[in-house]
Amino acid sequence: MENQPVAATEDFKEDYWELRLYVAGQTAKSVAALANLRKYCEQHLLGRYRLEVIDLLVNPQLAEGDQILAIPTLVRKVPVPIRKIIGDLSNEERVLVGLDIRPAGSTTTR
């Protein structure tokens, strides 16, 4: 797995997301978490995010900086405050709520 930076577009410079996904190799949960996260980002944050994937089998020392205790773990670095979600990220609603992402096209009025 490699870092997958995605450039922000001009229209969304102030609404930019920095996400870091901690995994341990190519386990089923790690692969699922990355696939799910990429899908959500493309649906809800298109052009407004940077995703960094950190494989702790390759760089175990990086777990300490974000206090990673379980894997896979997603860390939202920006916007602040920092938020973390543990697991394969298969529950889209839980991930969106956990990251405080409003679904694309959603409105607050009916």
Protein backbone atom coordinates (compact mmCIF):
# COMPACT_ATOMS: atom_id res chain seq x y z
CA MET A 1 0.00 0.00 0.00
CA GLU A 2 1.20 3.46 -0.76
CA ASN A 3 0.31 7.02 0.10
CA GLN A 4 -2.47 8.32 -2.09
CA PRO A 5 -2.38 12.13 -2.00
CA VAL A 6 -5.25 13.84 -3.74
CA ALA A 7 -4.92 17.51 -4.59
CA ALA A 8 -7.54 19.97 -3.43
CA THR A 9 -9.46 21.84 -6.09
CA GLU A 10 -9.72 25.62 -6.07
CA ASP A 11 -13.40 25.53 -5.15
CA PHE A 12 -12.86 23.72 -1.85
CA LYS A 13 -9.57 25.04 -0.41
CA GLU A 14 -11.13 25.91 2.94
CA ASP A 15 -12.98 22.59 3.21
CA TYR A 16 -10.01 20.22 3.05
CA TRP A 17 -9.54 16.87 4.79
CA GLU A 18 -6.34 15.12 5.82
CA LEU A 19 -6.90 11.46 6.61
CA ARG A 20 -4.45 8.83 7.76
CA LEU A 21 -5.30 5.12 7.66
CA TYR A 22 -3.15 2.80 9.77
CA VAL A 23 -3.07 -0.81 8.60
CA ALA A 24 -0.91 -3.89 9.16
CA GLY A 25 -0.12 -5.47 5.83
CA GLN A 26 -2.73 -6.82 3.45
CA THR A 27 -5.13 -8.35 5.97
CA ALA A 28 -8.79 -8.67 4.97
CA LYS A 29 -9.79 -5.89 7.38
CA SER A 30 -7.02 -3.57 6.18
CA VAL A 31 -7.91 -4.08 2.52
CA ALA A 32 -11.63 -3.60 3.26
CA ALA A 33 -10.97 -0.46 5.29
CA LEU A 34 -8.95 1.12 2.48
CA ALA A 35 -11.52 0.21 -0.18
CA ASN A 36 -14.40 1.52 1.94
CA LEU A 37 -12.56 4.74 2.79
CA ARG A 38 -11.65 5.44 -0.83
CA LYS A 39 -15.28 4.92 -1.84
CA TYR A 40 -16.58 7.33 0.83
CA CYS A 41 -13.95 9.94 -0.03
CA GLU A 42 -14.78 9.79 -3.73
CA GLN A 43 -18.50 10.11 -2.96
CA HIS A 44 -18.34 12.83 -0.31
CA LEU A 45 -14.95 14.59 -0.45
CA LEU A 46 -14.02 14.47 -4.12
CA GLY A 47 -10.95 16.65 -4.71
CA ARG A 48 -10.95 17.88 -1.11
CA TYR A 49 -8.89 15.29 0.70
CA ARG A 50 -5.47 13.78 1.14
CA LEU A 51 -5.28 10.15 2.21
CA GLU A 52 -2.11 8.69 3.66
CA VAL A 53 -1.94 4.94 4.24
CA ILE A 54 0.58 3.83 6.86
CA ASP A 55 1.49 0.15 7.02
CA LEU A 56 2.67 -0.53 10.56
CA LEU A 57 4.45 -3.71 9.44
CA VAL A 58 6.75 -1.43 7.44
CA ASN A 59 6.87 1.57 9.84
CA PRO A 60 5.81 0.42 13.32
CA GLN A 61 7.31 3.50 14.96
CA LEU A 62 4.63 5.69 13.34
CA ALA A 63 1.90 4.19 15.56
CA GLU A 64 3.08 6.15 18.56
CA GLY A 65 2.48 9.61 17.07
CA ASP A 66 -1.27 9.11 16.73
CA GLN A 67 -1.49 6.68 19.68
CA ILE A 68 -2.67 3.76 17.56
CA LEU A 69 -3.73 0.81 19.69
CA ALA A 70 -5.76 -1.22 17.17
CA ILE A 71 -5.79 -1.65 13.42
CA PRO A 72 -7.11 -0.68 11.03
CA THR A 73 -7.55 2.82 12.47
CA LEU A 74 -8.57 5.91 10.54
CA VAL A 75 -7.38 9.26 11.89
CA ARG A 76 -8.84 12.56 10.71
CA LYS A 77 -6.01 15.06 11.17
CA VAL A 78 -7.69 18.04 9.47
CA PRO A 79 -10.14 19.59 10.07
CA VAL A 80 -9.56 19.66 13.79
CA PRO A 81 -10.40 18.22 16.25
CA ILE A 82 -8.63 14.95 15.51
CA ARG A 83 -11.04 12.03 15.27
CA LYS A 84 -10.39 8.27 15.14
CA ILE A 85 -12.41 5.33 13.87
CA ILE A 86 -11.32 1.73 14.38
CA GLY A 87 -12.37 -1.16 12.15
CA ASP A 88 -12.95 -2.01 8.51
CA LEU A 89 -15.08 1.13 7.95
CA SER A 90 -17.91 -0.95 6.47
CA ASN A 91 -20.68 1.06 8.16
CA GLU A 92 -20.86 4.18 5.98
CA GLU A 93 -23.20 6.09 8.27
CA ARG A 94 -20.94 5.45 11.28
CA VAL A 95 -17.88 6.60 9.33
CA LEU A 96 -19.55 9.77 8.04
CA VAL A 97 -20.87 10.66 11.49
CA GLY A 98 -17.54 9.79 13.12
CA LEU A 99 -15.63 12.02 10.72
CA ASP A 100 -18.36 14.70 10.76
CA ILE A 101 -18.83 14.50 6.99
CA ARG A 102 -22.16 15.61 5.61
CA PRO A 103 -23.25 13.38 2.75
CA ALA A 104 -23.02 15.02 -0.67
CA GLY A 105 -26.31 16.56 -1.72
CA SER A 106 -27.82 16.33 1.77
CA THR A 107 -29.94 19.16 3.11
CA THR A 108 -31.08 19.99 6.59
CA THR A 109 -34.62 21.02 5.55
CA ARG A 110 -37.42 18.88 4.16
